[in-house]
Structure formats: structure tokens, C-alpha cells
């Protein structure tokens, strides 16, 4: 098992130079409260303040 983890890590390290610039910053926000924050997980979740569903904000 340890060897497979090392192989996966090495494959990621070797291909890291190809991924430079492929990540884009994105924001999620609450349409009710008008708060926004960076997306840090695959799911958007709920607003901490009012409980409304968060939405992905368009890039400006």
C-alpha cells in the first residue's frame, strides 16, 4: 500500500508542471445576504448567516 501511495505522489509531482495555470479562483455567495467567499470544496453548502443555499458567482 505504501508503495502505491509513493507512486501516486511521484506521478503527481512529475505532472505538476503541466497543471500550472489550470486552476481558476472562484467565488460562492449567498443571494439573500450578499456575502461571498472563495470556493474551497466541491459542494457549495449553506450560508452560515441565514441558511440559504450558496451559489457560484459569475466571473467579472
N, C-alpha and C. Protein backbone atom coordinates (compact mmCIF):
# COMPACT_ATOMS: atom_id res chain seq x y z
N UNK A 1 0.82 -1.19 0.00
CA UNK A 1 0.00 0.00 0.00
C UNK A 1 0.87 1.26 0.00
N UNK A 2 1.91 1.26 0.83
CA UNK A 2 2.79 2.42 0.90
C UNK A 2 3.43 2.69 -0.46
N UNK A 3 3.80 1.63 -1.17
CA UNK A 3 4.44 1.80 -2.48
C UNK A 3 3.47 2.45 -3.48
N UNK A 4 2.20 2.10 -3.44
CA UNK A 4 1.24 2.70 -4.37
C UNK A 4 1.04 4.19 -4.06
N UNK A 5 1.10 4.55 -2.78
CA UNK A 5 0.98 5.96 -2.40
C UNK A 5 2.20 6.74 -2.90
N UNK A 6 3.37 6.15 -2.76
CA UNK A 6 4.59 6.79 -3.25
C UNK A 6 4.54 6.96 -4.76
N UNK A 7 4.06 5.95 -5.47
CA UNK A 7 3.96 6.03 -6.93
C UNK A 7 2.97 7.13 -7.35
N UNK A 8 1.85 7.21 -6.67
CA UNK A 8 0.86 8.25 -6.99
C UNK A 8 1.43 9.63 -6.71
N UNK A 9 2.14 9.78 -5.60
CA UNK A 9 2.75 11.06 -5.26
C UNK A 9 3.80 11.45 -6.30
N UNK A 10 4.61 10.51 -6.71
CA UNK A 10 5.64 10.79 -7.72
C UNK A 10 5.01 11.15 -9.06
N UNK A 11 3.95 10.47 -9.46
CA UNK A 11 3.26 10.79 -10.71
C UNK A 11 2.69 12.20 -10.65
N UNK A 12 2.13 12.57 -9.52
CA UNK A 12 1.59 13.92 -9.36
C UNK A 12 2.71 14.96 -9.45
N UNK A 13 3.84 14.68 -8.79
CA UNK A 13 4.96 15.60 -8.82
C UNK A 13 5.49 15.79 -10.23
N UNK A 14 5.59 14.71 -10.99
CA UNK A 14 6.13 14.79 -12.35
C UNK A 14 5.19 15.54 -13.29
N UNK A 15 3.89 15.48 -13.05
CA UNK A 15 2.94 16.15 -13.95
C UNK A 15 2.54 17.54 -13.45
N UNK A 16 3.06 17.97 -12.31
CA UNK A 16 2.65 19.25 -11.73
C UNK A 16 2.95 20.43 -12.66
N UNK A 17 4.05 20.37 -13.39
CA UNK A 17 4.39 21.49 -14.28
C UNK A 17 3.37 21.65 -15.40
N UNK A 18 2.66 20.58 -15.75
CA UNK A 18 1.64 20.66 -16.80
C UNK A 18 0.36 21.29 -16.29
N UNK A 19 0.15 21.27 -14.98
CA UNK A 19 -1.09 21.79 -14.41
C UNK A 19 -1.00 23.26 -14.03
N UNK A 20 0.15 23.87 -14.14
CA UNK A 20 0.31 25.26 -13.74
C UNK A 20 -0.64 26.13 -14.56
N UNK A 21 -1.41 26.94 -13.89
CA UNK A 21 -2.35 27.83 -14.57
C UNK A 21 -3.70 27.20 -14.86
N UNK A 22 -3.90 25.93 -14.53
CA UNK A 22 -5.17 25.30 -14.84
C UNK A 22 -6.23 25.56 -13.77
N UNK A 23 -5.82 25.98 -12.59
CA UNK A 23 -6.79 26.28 -11.54
C UNK A 23 -7.23 27.74 -11.63
N UNK A 24 -8.50 27.96 -11.49
CA UNK A 24 -9.06 29.30 -11.55
C UNK A 24 -9.72 29.61 -10.21
N UNK A 25 -9.49 30.82 -9.72
CA UNK A 25 -10.17 31.22 -8.50
C UNK A 25 -11.66 31.36 -8.78
N UNK A 26 -12.47 30.95 -7.83
CA UNK A 26 -13.91 31.07 -7.97
C UNK A 26 -14.50 31.49 -6.64
N UNK A 27 -15.65 32.11 -6.72
CA UNK A 27 -16.34 32.57 -5.51
C UNK A 27 -17.72 31.94 -5.43
N UNK A 28 -18.17 31.74 -4.21
CA UNK A 28 -19.56 31.35 -3.97
C UNK A 28 -20.17 32.42 -3.08
N UNK A 29 -21.45 32.59 -3.19
CA UNK A 29 -22.09 33.64 -2.41
C UNK A 29 -23.52 33.31 -2.07
N UNK A 30 -24.04 34.06 -1.11
CA UNK A 30 -25.42 33.90 -0.68
C UNK A 30 -26.26 34.97 -1.36
N UNK A 31 -27.27 34.57 -2.12
CA UNK A 31 -28.12 35.57 -2.78
C UNK A 31 -28.96 36.38 -1.80
N UNK A 32 -29.20 35.85 -0.60
CA UNK A 32 -30.01 36.56 0.39
C UNK A 32 -29.17 37.59 1.15
N UNK A 33 -28.01 37.18 1.67
CA UNK A 33 -27.18 38.06 2.50
C UNK A 33 -26.17 38.87 1.69
N UNK A 34 -25.94 38.46 0.45
CA UNK A 34 -24.95 39.12 -0.41
C UNK A 34 -23.52 38.95 0.12
N UNK A 35 -23.25 37.87 0.87
CA UNK A 35 -21.89 37.58 1.31
C UNK A 35 -21.23 36.71 0.25
N UNK A 36 -19.91 36.73 0.21
CA UNK A 36 -19.20 35.87 -0.74
C UNK A 36 -17.93 35.34 -0.09
N UNK A 37 -17.47 34.21 -0.60
CA UNK A 37 -16.24 33.60 -0.11
C UNK A 37 -15.67 32.72 -1.21
N UNK A 38 -14.38 32.42 -1.09
CA UNK A 38 -13.75 31.55 -2.08
C UNK A 38 -14.27 30.14 -1.94
N UNK A 39 -14.41 29.46 -3.07
CA UNK A 39 -14.84 28.07 -3.06
C UNK A 39 -13.65 27.22 -2.64
N UNK A 40 -13.83 26.44 -1.58
CA UNK A 40 -12.74 25.60 -1.07
C UNK A 40 -13.13 24.13 -1.04
N UNK A 41 -14.29 23.79 -1.56
CA UNK A 41 -14.72 22.39 -1.58
C UNK A 41 -15.62 22.18 -2.79
N UNK A 42 -15.81 20.93 -3.19
CA UNK A 42 -16.67 20.66 -4.35
C UNK A 42 -18.13 21.05 -4.15
N UNK A 43 -18.61 21.03 -2.90
CA UNK A 43 -20.01 21.40 -2.66
C UNK A 43 -20.07 22.86 -2.21
N UNK A 44 -21.14 23.53 -2.57
CA UNK A 44 -21.28 24.95 -2.23
C UNK A 44 -21.76 25.14 -0.80
N UNK A 45 -22.64 24.28 -0.31
CA UNK A 45 -23.09 24.36 1.07
C UNK A 45 -24.18 25.39 1.31
N UNK A 46 -24.32 25.74 2.58
CA UNK A 46 -25.34 26.70 3.02
C UNK A 46 -24.67 27.90 3.68
N UNK A 47 -25.35 29.03 3.63
CA UNK A 47 -24.86 30.26 4.25
C UNK A 47 -24.83 30.10 5.76
N UNK A 48 -23.72 30.48 6.39
CA UNK A 48 -23.61 30.40 7.84
C UNK A 48 -24.52 31.41 8.53
N UNK A 49 -24.82 32.52 7.87
CA UNK A 49 -25.62 33.58 8.49
C UNK A 49 -27.12 33.31 8.43
N UNK A 50 -27.63 32.93 7.24
CA UNK A 50 -29.07 32.79 7.10
C UNK A 50 -29.56 31.39 6.71
N UNK A 51 -28.65 30.50 6.33
CA UNK A 51 -29.04 29.14 5.99
C UNK A 51 -29.47 28.93 4.56
N UNK A 52 -29.44 29.98 3.72
CA UNK A 52 -29.81 29.84 2.31
C UNK A 52 -28.74 29.05 1.56
N UNK A 53 -29.13 28.44 0.45
CA UNK A 53 -28.18 27.71 -0.38
C UNK A 53 -27.25 28.67 -1.10
N UNK A 54 -25.94 28.37 -1.08
CA UNK A 54 -24.96 29.22 -1.75
C UNK A 54 -24.94 28.91 -3.24
N UNK A 55 -24.57 29.88 -4.04
CA UNK A 55 -24.49 29.73 -5.50
C UNK A 55 -23.10 30.17 -5.95
N UNK A 56 -22.67 29.62 -7.09
CA UNK A 56 -21.40 30.05 -7.68
C UNK A 56 -21.60 31.42 -8.29
N UNK A 57 -20.69 32.34 -8.02
CA UNK A 57 -20.80 33.70 -8.55
C UNK A 57 -20.10 33.78 -9.91
N UNK A 58 -20.68 34.52 -10.85
CA UNK A 58 -20.06 34.65 -12.18
C UNK A 58 -18.76 35.43 -12.11
N UNK A 59 -17.84 35.09 -13.01
CA UNK A 59 -16.57 35.82 -13.07
C UNK A 59 -16.83 37.17 -13.73
N UNK A 60 -16.19 38.17 -13.21
CA UNK A 60 -16.40 39.53 -13.75
C UNK A 60 -15.26 39.93 -14.65
